Amino acid sequence: YIVTGEGNIDSQTQNGKTISGILKIAKERDIPVIAFAG
């Protein structure tokens, strides 16, 4: 698993936040991603 987080996860998260970069790598490797946020 990959565990990550942000202060806020919303529709804008895919546009350059940390999670967006992690998701690209995880998806290529078929690794589940769990995210925590405020």
PDB file of all heavy atoms in Angstrom:
ATOM      1  N   TYR A   1       0.857  -1.184   0.000  1.00  0.00           N
ATOM      2  CA  TYR A   1       0.000   0.000   0.000  1.00  0.00           C
ATOM      3  C   TYR A   1       0.889   1.229   0.000  1.00  0.00           C
ATOM      4  O   TYR A   1       2.014   1.189   0.485  1.00  0.00           O
ATOM      5  CB  TYR A   1      -0.876   0.084   1.264  1.00  0.00           C
ATOM      6  CG  TYR A   1      -1.870  -1.025   1.406  1.00  0.00           C
ATOM      7  CD1 TYR A   1      -1.559  -2.183   2.109  1.00  0.00           C
ATOM      8  CD2 TYR A   1      -3.136  -0.914   0.844  1.00  0.00           C
ATOM      9  CE1 TYR A   1      -2.474  -3.205   2.240  1.00  0.00           C
ATOM     10  CE2 TYR A   1      -4.058  -1.932   0.971  1.00  0.00           C
ATOM     11  CZ  TYR A   1      -3.722  -3.079   1.665  1.00  0.00           C
ATOM     12  OH  TYR A   1      -4.629  -4.080   1.796  1.00  0.00           O
ATOM     13  N   ILE A   2       0.344   2.318  -0.495  1.00  0.00           N
ATOM     14  CA  ILE A   2       0.953   3.630  -0.317  1.00  0.00           C
ATOM     15  C   ILE A   2      -0.037   4.456   0.481  1.00  0.00           C
ATOM     16  O   ILE A   2      -1.223   4.508   0.156  1.00  0.00           O
ATOM     17  CB  ILE A   2       1.260   4.306  -1.672  1.00  0.00           C
ATOM     18  CG1 ILE A   2       2.321   3.516  -2.426  1.00  0.00           C
ATOM     19  CG2 ILE A   2       1.704   5.756  -1.453  1.00  0.00           C
ATOM     20  CD1 ILE A   2       2.594   4.016  -3.827  1.00  0.00           C
ATOM     21  N   VAL A   3       0.463   5.085   1.540  1.00  0.00           N
ATOM     22  CA  VAL A   3      -0.372   5.918   2.400  1.00  0.00           C
ATOM     23  C   VAL A   3       0.133   7.348   2.263  1.00  0.00           C
ATOM     24  O   VAL A   3       1.327   7.609   2.391  1.00  0.00           O
ATOM     25  CB  VAL A   3      -0.293   5.456   3.864  1.00  0.00           C
ATOM     26  CG1 VAL A   3      -1.137   6.349   4.760  1.00  0.00           C
ATOM     27  CG2 VAL A   3      -0.727   4.003   3.985  1.00  0.00           C
ATOM     28  N   THR A   4      -0.793   8.257   2.002  1.00  0.00           N
ATOM     29  CA  THR A   4      -0.425   9.656   1.818  1.00  0.00           C
ATOM     30  C   THR A   4      -1.494  10.543   2.432  1.00  0.00           C
ATOM     31  O   THR A   4      -2.472  10.043   2.985  1.00  0.00           O
ATOM     32  CB  THR A   4      -0.224   9.965   0.304  1.00  0.00           C
ATOM     33  OG1 THR A   4       0.309  11.282   0.159  1.00  0.00           O
ATOM     34  CG2 THR A   4      -1.513   9.813  -0.479  1.00  0.00           C
ATOM     35  N   GLY A   5      -1.307  11.831   2.331  1.00  0.00           N
ATOM     36  CA  GLY A   5      -2.298  12.733   2.894  1.00  0.00           C
ATOM     37  C   GLY A   5      -2.183  14.140   2.366  1.00  0.00           C
ATOM     38  O   GLY A   5      -1.193  14.521   1.738  1.00  0.00           O
ATOM     39  N   GLU A   6      -3.204  14.888   2.617  1.00  0.00           N
ATOM     40  CA  GLU A   6      -3.308  16.309   2.263  1.00  0.00           C
ATOM     41  C   GLU A   6      -4.162  16.972   3.333  1.00  0.00           C
ATOM     42  O   GLU A   6      -4.915  16.300   4.035  1.00  0.00           O
ATOM     43  CB  GLU A   6      -4.027  16.493   0.918  1.00  0.00           C
ATOM     44  CG  GLU A   6      -3.292  16.023  -0.286  1.00  0.00           C
ATOM     45  CD  GLU A   6      -2.225  17.002  -0.782  1.00  0.00           C
ATOM     46  OE1 GLU A   6      -2.190  18.152  -0.289  1.00  0.00           O
ATOM     47  OE2 GLU A   6      -1.437  16.602  -1.629  1.00  0.00           O
ATOM     48  N   GLY A   7      -4.079  18.257   3.405  1.00  0.00           N
ATOM     49  CA  GLY A   7      -4.985  18.977   4.291  1.00  0.00           C
ATOM     50  C   GLY A   7      -6.417  18.902   3.799  1.00  0.00           C
ATOM     51  O   GLY A   7      -7.363  18.748   4.557  1.00  0.00           O
ATOM     52  N   ASN A   8      -6.560  18.959   2.473  1.00  0.00           N
ATOM     53  CA  ASN A   8      -7.879  18.983   1.847  1.00  0.00           C
ATOM     54  C   ASN A   8      -7.816  18.154   0.559  1.00  0.00           C
ATOM     55  O   ASN A   8      -6.949  18.386  -0.271  1.00  0.00           O
ATOM     56  CB  ASN A   8      -8.239  20.433   1.522  1.00  0.00           C
ATOM     57  CG  ASN A   8      -9.626  20.592   0.978  1.00  0.00           C
ATOM     58  OD1 ASN A   8     -10.577  20.060   1.530  1.00  0.00           O
ATOM     59  ND2 ASN A   8      -9.760  21.323  -0.103  1.00  0.00           N
ATOM     60  N   ILE A   9      -8.707  17.199   0.425  1.00  0.00           N
ATOM     61  CA  ILE A   9      -8.796  16.420  -0.813  1.00  0.00           C
ATOM     62  C   ILE A   9     -10.110  16.784  -1.478  1.00  0.00           C
ATOM     63  O   ILE A   9     -11.191  16.582  -0.922  1.00  0.00           O
ATOM     64  CB  ILE A   9      -8.728  14.903  -0.549  1.00  0.00           C
ATOM     65  CG1 ILE A   9      -7.369  14.534   0.062  1.00  0.00           C
ATOM     66  CG2 ILE A   9      -8.970  14.115  -1.833  1.00  0.00           C
ATOM     67  CD1 ILE A   9      -7.242  13.078   0.463  1.00  0.00           C
ATOM     68  N   ASP A  10      -9.984  17.362  -2.693  1.00  0.00           N
ATOM     69  CA  ASP A  10     -11.169  17.783  -3.433  1.00  0.00           C
ATOM     70  C   ASP A  10     -10.898  17.652  -4.927  1.00  0.00           C
ATOM     71  O   ASP A  10      -9.895  17.059  -5.331  1.00  0.00           O
ATOM     72  CB  ASP A  10     -11.561  19.210  -3.053  1.00  0.00           C
ATOM     73  CG  ASP A  10     -10.472  20.231  -3.326  1.00  0.00           C
ATOM     74  OD1 ASP A  10      -9.551  19.959  -4.129  1.00  0.00           O
ATOM     75  OD2 ASP A  10     -10.541  21.325  -2.743  1.00  0.00           O
ATOM     76  N   SER A  11     -11.768  18.209  -5.734  1.00  0.00           N
ATOM     77  CA  SER A  11     -11.633  18.080  -7.184  1.00  0.00           C
ATOM     78  C   SER A  11     -10.348  18.722  -7.714  1.00  0.00           C
ATOM     79  O   SER A  11      -9.893  18.389  -8.800  1.00  0.00           O
ATOM     80  CB  SER A  11     -12.848  18.681  -7.894  1.00  0.00           C
ATOM     81  OG  SER A  11     -12.937  20.064  -7.616  1.00  0.00           O
ATOM     82  N   GLN A  12      -9.741  19.635  -6.978  1.00  0.00           N
ATOM     83  CA  GLN A  12      -8.508  20.288  -7.404  1.00  0.00           C
ATOM     84  C   GLN A  12      -7.246  19.499  -7.050  1.00  0.00           C
ATOM     85  O   GLN A  12      -6.157  19.824  -7.518  1.00  0.00           O
ATOM     86  CB  GLN A  12      -8.424  21.683  -6.777  1.00  0.00           C
ATOM     87  CG  GLN A  12      -9.534  22.604  -7.220  1.00  0.00           C
ATOM     88  CD  GLN A  12      -9.525  22.814  -8.723  1.00  0.00           C
ATOM     89  OE1 GLN A  12      -8.505  23.146  -9.313  1.00  0.00           O
ATOM     90  NE2 GLN A  12     -10.662  22.587  -9.369  1.00  0.00           N
ATOM     91  N   THR A  13      -7.385  18.462  -6.254  1.00  0.00           N
ATOM     92  CA  THR A  13      -6.233  17.698  -5.780  1.00  0.00           C
ATOM     93  C   THR A  13      -5.444  17.083  -6.929  1.00  0.00           C
ATOM     94  O   THR A  13      -4.226  16.961  -6.863  1.00  0.00           O
ATOM     95  CB  THR A  13      -6.691  16.615  -4.788  1.00  0.00           C
ATOM     96  OG1 THR A  13      -7.324  17.259  -3.674  1.00  0.00           O
ATOM     97  CG2 THR A  13      -5.539  15.773  -4.291  1.00  0.00           C
ATOM     98  N   GLN A  14      -6.123  16.734  -7.991  1.00  0.00           N
ATOM     99  CA  GLN A  14      -5.463  16.084  -9.121  1.00  0.00           C
ATOM    100  C   GLN A  14      -4.566  17.055  -9.898  1.00  0.00           C
ATOM    101  O   GLN A  14      -3.731  16.641 -10.681  1.00  0.00           O
ATOM    102  CB  GLN A  14      -6.499  15.474 -10.058  1.00  0.00           C
ATOM    103  CG  GLN A  14      -5.886  14.533 -11.064  1.00  0.00           C
ATOM    104  CD  GLN A  14      -6.935  13.737 -11.796  1.00  0.00           C
ATOM    105  OE1 GLN A  14      -8.109  13.771 -11.466  1.00  0.00           O
ATOM    106  NE2 GLN A  14      -6.518  13.020 -12.805  1.00  0.00           N
ATOM    107  N   ASN A  15      -4.694  18.332  -9.637  1.00  0.00           N
ATOM    108  CA  ASN A  15      -3.959  19.340 -10.398  1.00  0.00           C
ATOM    109  C   ASN A  15      -2.668  19.764  -9.709  1.00  0.00           C
ATOM    110  O   ASN A  15      -2.488  20.917  -9.353  1.00  0.00           O
ATOM    111  CB  ASN A  15      -4.851  20.563 -10.635  1.00  0.00           C
ATOM    112  CG  ASN A  15      -6.095  20.216 -11.398  1.00  0.00           C
ATOM    113  OD1 ASN A  15      -6.075  19.351 -12.253  1.00  0.00           O
ATOM    114  ND2 ASN A  15      -7.189  20.872 -11.080  1.00  0.00           N
ATOM    115  N   GLY A  16      -1.758  18.813  -9.497  1.00  0.00           N
ATOM    116  CA  GLY A  16      -0.433  19.166  -9.029  1.00  0.00           C
ATOM    117  C   GLY A  16      -0.146  18.985  -7.560  1.00  0.00           C
ATOM    118  O   GLY A  16       0.966  19.224  -7.125  1.00  0.00           O
ATOM    119  N   LYS A  17      -1.112  18.585  -6.756  1.00  0.00           N
ATOM    120  CA  LYS A  17      -0.825  18.329  -5.353  1.00  0.00           C
ATOM    121  C   LYS A  17      -0.048  17.019  -5.221  1.00  0.00           C
ATOM    122  O   LYS A  17       0.055  16.234  -6.159  1.00  0.00           O
ATOM    123  CB  LYS A  17      -2.115  18.266  -4.531  1.00  0.00           C
ATOM    124  CG  LYS A  17      -2.780  19.613  -4.307  1.00  0.00           C
ATOM    125  CD  LYS A  17      -3.918  19.465  -3.327  1.00  0.00           C
ATOM    126  CE  LYS A  17      -4.593  20.773  -3.027  1.00  0.00           C
ATOM    127  NZ  LYS A  17      -5.707  20.598  -2.080  1.00  0.00           N
ATOM    128  N   THR A  18       0.459  16.783  -4.047  1.00  0.00           N
ATOM    129  CA  THR A  18       1.278  15.598  -3.792  1.00  0.00           C
ATOM    130  C   THR A  18       0.591  14.319  -4.252  1.00  0.00           C
ATOM    131  O   THR A  18       1.205  13.469  -4.903  1.00  0.00           O
ATOM    132  CB  THR A  18       1.598  15.498  -2.286  1.00  0.00           C
ATOM    133  OG1 THR A  18       2.310  16.668  -1.900  1.00  0.00           O
ATOM    134  CG2 THR A  18       2.424  14.276  -1.977  1.00  0.00           C
ATOM    135  N   ILE A  19      -0.666  14.165  -3.928  1.00  0.00           N
ATOM    136  CA  ILE A  19      -1.375  12.933  -4.255  1.00  0.00           C
ATOM    137  C   ILE A  19      -1.360  12.662  -5.756  1.00  0.00           C
ATOM    138  O   ILE A  19      -1.233  11.510  -6.181  1.00  0.00           O
ATOM    139  CB  ILE A  19      -2.809  12.970  -3.707  1.00  0.00           C
ATOM    140  CG1 ILE A  19      -2.779  12.916  -2.179  1.00  0.00           C
ATOM    141  CG2 ILE A  19      -3.653  11.833  -4.270  1.00  0.00           C
ATOM    142  CD1 ILE A  19      -4.118  13.044  -1.521  1.00  0.00           C
ATOM    143  N   SER A  20      -1.450  13.690  -6.570  1.00  0.00           N
ATOM    144  CA  SER A  20      -1.500  13.467  -8.020  1.00  0.00           C
ATOM    145  C   SER A  20      -0.244  12.769  -8.523  1.00  0.00           C
ATOM    146  O   SER A  20      -0.321  11.856  -9.351  1.00  0.00           O
ATOM    147  CB  SER A  20      -1.724  14.783  -8.762  1.00  0.00           C
ATOM    148  OG  SER A  20      -0.627  15.662  -8.583  1.00  0.00           O
ATOM    149  N   GLY A  21       0.915  13.175  -8.043  1.00  0.00           N
ATOM    150  CA  GLY A  21       2.161  12.531  -8.455  1.00  0.00           C
ATOM    151  C   GLY A  21       2.286  11.112  -7.941  1.00  0.00           C
ATOM    152  O   GLY A  21       2.746  10.211  -8.649  1.00  0.00           O
ATOM    153  N   ILE A  22       1.859  10.897  -6.718  1.00  0.00           N
ATOM    154  CA  ILE A  22       1.907   9.562  -6.129  1.00  0.00           C
ATOM    155  C   ILE A  22       0.971   8.613  -6.868  1.00  0.00           C
ATOM    156  O   ILE A  22       1.316   7.462  -7.144  1.00  0.00           O
ATOM    157  CB  ILE A  22       1.568   9.639  -4.630  1.00  0.00           C
ATOM    158  CG1 ILE A  22       2.725  10.319  -3.885  1.00  0.00           C
ATOM    159  CG2 ILE A  22       1.268   8.261  -4.052  1.00  0.00           C
ATOM    160  CD1 ILE A  22       2.434  10.641  -2.454  1.00  0.00           C
ATOM    161  N   LEU A  23      -0.223   9.100  -7.213  1.00  0.00           N
ATOM    162  CA  LEU A  23      -1.193   8.243  -7.901  1.00  0.00           C
ATOM    163  C   LEU A  23      -0.678   7.755  -9.238  1.00  0.00           C
ATOM    164  O   LEU A  23      -0.912   6.601  -9.617  1.00  0.00           O
ATOM    165  CB  LEU A  23      -2.514   8.981  -8.097  1.00  0.00           C
ATOM    166  CG  LEU A  23      -3.331   9.252  -6.841  1.00  0.00           C
ATOM    167  CD1 LEU A  23      -4.601  10.016  -7.197  1.00  0.00           C
ATOM    168  CD2 LEU A  23      -3.662   7.972  -6.099  1.00  0.00           C
ATOM    169  N   LYS A  24       0.021   8.600  -9.949  1.00  0.00           N
ATOM    170  CA  LYS A  24       0.543   8.196 -11.252  1.00  0.00           C
ATOM    171  C   LYS A  24       1.497   7.011 -11.113  1.00  0.00           C
ATOM    172  O   LYS A  24       1.382   6.015 -11.838  1.00  0.00           O
ATOM    173  CB  LYS A  24       1.256   9.380 -11.914  1.00  0.00           C
ATOM    174  CG  LYS A  24       1.779   9.073 -13.290  1.00  0.00           C
ATOM    175  CD  LYS A  24       2.405  10.289 -13.928  1.00  0.00           C
ATOM    176  CE  LYS A  24       2.933   9.912 -15.307  1.00  0.00           C
ATOM    177  NZ  LYS A  24       3.635  11.006 -15.933  1.00  0.00           N
ATOM    178  N   ILE A  25       2.407   7.093 -10.179  1.00  0.00           N
ATOM    179  CA  ILE A  25       3.366   6.004  -9.964  1.00  0.00           C
ATOM    180  C   ILE A  25       2.664   4.760  -9.435  1.00  0.00           C
ATOM    181  O   ILE A  25       2.916   3.643  -9.889  1.00  0.00           O
ATOM    182  CB  ILE A  25       4.479   6.464  -9.006  1.00  0.00           C
ATOM    183  CG1 ILE A  25       5.331   7.518  -9.706  1.00  0.00           C
ATOM    184  CG2 ILE A  25       5.321   5.283  -8.540  1.00  0.00           C
ATOM    185  CD1 ILE A  25       6.316   8.230  -8.807  1.00  0.00           C
ATOM    186  N   ALA A  26       1.755   4.943  -8.489  1.00  0.00           N
ATOM    187  CA  ALA A  26       1.047   3.799  -7.901  1.00  0.00           C
ATOM    188  C   ALA A  26       0.205   3.070  -8.937  1.00  0.00           C
ATOM    189  O   ALA A  26       0.157   1.833  -8.953  1.00  0.00           O
ATOM    190  CB  ALA A  26       0.173   4.274  -6.746  1.00  0.00           C
ATOM    191  N   LYS A  27      -0.457   3.825  -9.794  1.00  0.00           N
ATOM    192  CA  LYS A  27      -1.313   3.202 -10.806  1.00  0.00           C
ATOM    193  C   LYS A  27      -0.484   2.379 -11.785  1.00  0.00           C
ATOM    194  O   LYS A  27      -0.887   1.277 -12.167  1.00  0.00           O
ATOM    195  CB  LYS A  27      -2.134   4.256 -11.546  1.00  0.00           C
ATOM    196  CG  LYS A  27      -3.202   3.656 -12.427  1.00  0.00           C
ATOM    197  CD  LYS A  27      -4.161   4.702 -12.938  1.00  0.00           C
ATOM    198  CE  LYS A  27      -5.295   4.036 -13.695  1.00  0.00           C
ATOM    199  NZ  LYS A  27      -6.288   4.998 -14.138  1.00  0.00           N
ATOM    200  N   GLU A  28       0.677   2.888 -12.168  1.00  0.00           N
ATOM    201  CA  GLU A  28       1.559   2.147 -13.070  1.00  0.00           C
ATOM    202  C   GLU A  28       1.987   0.813 -12.463  1.00  0.00           C
ATOM    203  O   GLU A  28       2.241  -0.146 -13.174  1.00  0.00           O
ATOM    204  CB  GLU A  28       2.809   2.977 -13.387  1.00  0.00           C
ATOM    205  CG  GLU A  28       2.548   4.189 -14.242  1.00  0.00           C
ATOM    206  CD  GLU A  28       3.749   5.121 -14.332  1.00  0.00           C
ATOM    207  OE1 GLU A  28       4.790   4.865 -13.661  1.00  0.00           O
ATOM    208  OE2 GLU A  28       3.650   6.125 -15.066  1.00  0.00           O
ATOM    209  N   ARG A  29       2.071   0.757 -11.141  1.00  0.00           N
ATOM    210  CA  ARG A  29       2.545  -0.437 -10.444  1.00  0.00           C
ATOM    211  C   ARG A  29       1.423  -1.226  -9.762  1.00  0.00           C
ATOM    212  O   ARG A  29       1.672  -2.171  -9.053  1.00  0.00           O
ATOM    213  CB  ARG A  29       3.605  -0.034  -9.424  1.00  0.00           C
ATOM    214  CG  ARG A  29       4.881   0.405 -10.094  1.00  0.00           C
ATOM    215  CD  ARG A  29       5.738   1.267  -9.198  1.00  0.00           C
ATOM    216  NE  ARG A  29       6.981   1.639  -9.858  1.00  0.00           N
ATOM    217  CZ  ARG A  29       7.086   2.543 -10.821  1.00  0.00           C
ATOM    218  NH1 ARG A  29       6.007   3.175 -11.256  1.00  0.00           N
ATOM    219  NH2 ARG A  29       8.252   2.828 -11.370  1.00  0.00           N
ATOM    220  N   ASP A  30       0.193  -0.782  -9.957  1.00  0.00           N
ATOM    221  CA  ASP A  30      -0.983  -1.435  -9.383  1.00  0.00           C
ATOM    222  C   ASP A  30      -0.894  -1.554  -7.855  1.00  0.00           C
ATOM    223  O   ASP A  30      -1.153  -2.595  -7.278  1.00  0.00           O
ATOM    224  CB  ASP A  30      -1.194  -2.812 -10.022  1.00  0.00           C
ATOM    225  CG  ASP A  30      -2.613  -3.325  -9.827  1.00  0.00           C
ATOM    226  OD1 ASP A  30      -3.540  -2.489  -9.745  1.00  0.00           O
ATOM    227  OD2 ASP A  30      -2.791  -4.557  -9.742  1.00  0.00           O
ATOM    228  N   ILE A  31      -0.493  -0.444  -7.220  1.00  0.00           N
ATOM    229  CA  ILE A  31      -0.392  -0.396  -5.759  1.00  0.00           C
ATOM    230  C   ILE A  31      -1.566   0.422  -5.224  1.00  0.00           C
ATOM    231  O   ILE A  31      -1.770   1.564  -5.641  1.00  0.00           O
ATOM    232  CB  ILE A  31       0.930   0.265  -5.312  1.00  0.00           C
ATOM    233  CG1 ILE A  31       2.132  -0.479  -5.891  1.00  0.00           C
ATOM    234  CG2 ILE A  31       1.018   0.314  -3.785  1.00  0.00           C
ATOM    235  CD1 ILE A  31       3.449   0.251  -5.705  1.00  0.00           C
ATOM    236  N   PRO A  32      -2.341  -0.128  -4.304  1.00  0.00           N
ATOM    237  CA  PRO A  32      -3.449   0.628  -3.716  1.00  0.00           C
ATOM    238  C   PRO A  32      -2.945   1.849  -2.949  1.00  0.00           C
ATOM    239  O   PRO A  32      -1.918   1.784  -2.280  1.00  0.00           O
ATOM    240  CB  PRO A  32      -4.113  -0.363  -2.753  1.00  0.00           C
ATOM    241  CG  PRO A  32      -3.567  -1.699  -3.102  1.00  0.00           C
ATOM    242  CD  PRO A  32      -2.246  -1.486  -3.755  1.00  0.00           C
ATOM    243  N   VAL A  33      -3.681   2.950  -3.064  1.00  0.00           N
ATOM    244  CA  VAL A  33      -3.315   4.191  -2.378  1.00  0.00           C
ATOM    245  C   VAL A  33      -4.431   4.582  -1.419  1.00  0.00           C
ATOM    246  O   VAL A  33      -5.597   4.694  -1.813  1.00  0.00           O
ATOM    247  CB  VAL A  33      -3.068   5.342  -3.378  1.00  0.00           C
ATOM    248  CG1 VAL A  33      -2.760   6.640  -2.631  1.00  0.00           C
ATOM    249  CG2 VAL A  33      -1.944   4.979  -4.333  1.00  0.00           C
ATOM    250  N   ILE A  34      -4.049   4.797  -0.174  1.00  0.00           N
ATOM    251  CA  ILE A  34      -4.962   5.251   0.871  1.00  0.00           C
ATOM    252  C   ILE A  34      -4.548   6.667   1.244  1.00  0.00           C
ATOM    253  O   ILE A  34      -3.379   6.911   1.531  1.00  0.00           O
ATOM    254  CB  ILE A  34      -4.895   4.338   2.106  1.00  0.00           C
ATOM    255  CG1 ILE A  34      -5.286   2.907   1.731  1.00  0.00           C
ATOM    256  CG2 ILE A  34      -5.776   4.883   3.232  1.00  0.00           C
ATOM    257  CD1 ILE A  34      -4.967   1.896   2.794  1.00  0.00           C
ATOM    258  N   ALA A  35      -5.504   7.579   1.235  1.00  0.00           N
ATOM    259  CA  ALA A  35      -5.204   8.973   1.555  1.00  0.00           C
ATOM    260  C   ALA A  35      -6.005   9.423   2.768  1.00  0.00           C
ATOM    261  O   ALA A  35      -7.181   9.079   2.914  1.00  0.00           O
ATOM    262  CB  ALA A  35      -5.521   9.865   0.359  1.00  0.00           C
ATOM    263  N   PHE A  36      -5.350  10.194   3.607  1.00  0.00           N
ATOM    264  CA  PHE A  36      -5.982  10.801   4.768  1.00  0.00           C
ATOM    265  C   PHE A  36      -5.941  12.315   4.585  1.00  0.00           C
ATOM    266  O   PHE A  36      -4.970  12.849   4.047  1.00  0.00           O
ATOM    267  CB  PHE A  36      -5.231  10.436   6.050  1.00  0.00           C
ATOM    268  CG  PHE A  36      -5.279   8.974   6.382  1.00  0.00           C
ATOM    269  CD1 PHE A  36      -4.242   8.132   6.023  1.00  0.00           C
ATOM    270  CD2 PHE A  36      -6.371   8.438   7.046  1.00  0.00           C
ATOM    271  CE1 PHE A  36      -4.277   6.781   6.320  1.00  0.00           C
ATOM    272  CE2 PHE A  36      -6.424   7.093   7.350  1.00  0.00           C
ATOM    273  CZ  PHE A  36      -5.377   6.261   6.984  1.00  0.00           C
ATOM    274  N   ALA A  37      -6.985  12.987   5.053  1.00  0.00           N
ATOM    275  CA  ALA A  37      -7.035  14.442   4.947  1.00  0.00           C
ATOM    276  C   ALA A  37      -7.884  15.023   6.057  1.00  0.00           C
ATOM    277  O   ALA A  37      -8.750  14.341   6.611  1.00  0.00           O
ATOM    278  CB  ALA A  37      -7.611  14.850   3.598  1.00  0.00           C
ATOM    279  N   GLY A  38      -7.654  16.272   6.325  1.00  0.00           N
ATOM    280  CA  GLY A  38      -8.508  16.962   7.279  1.00  0.00           C
ATOM    281  C   GLY A  38      -9.925  17.085   6.750  1.00  0.00           C
ATOM    282  O   GLY A  38     -10.894  17.054   7.495  1.00  0.00           O
TER     283      GLY A  38
END
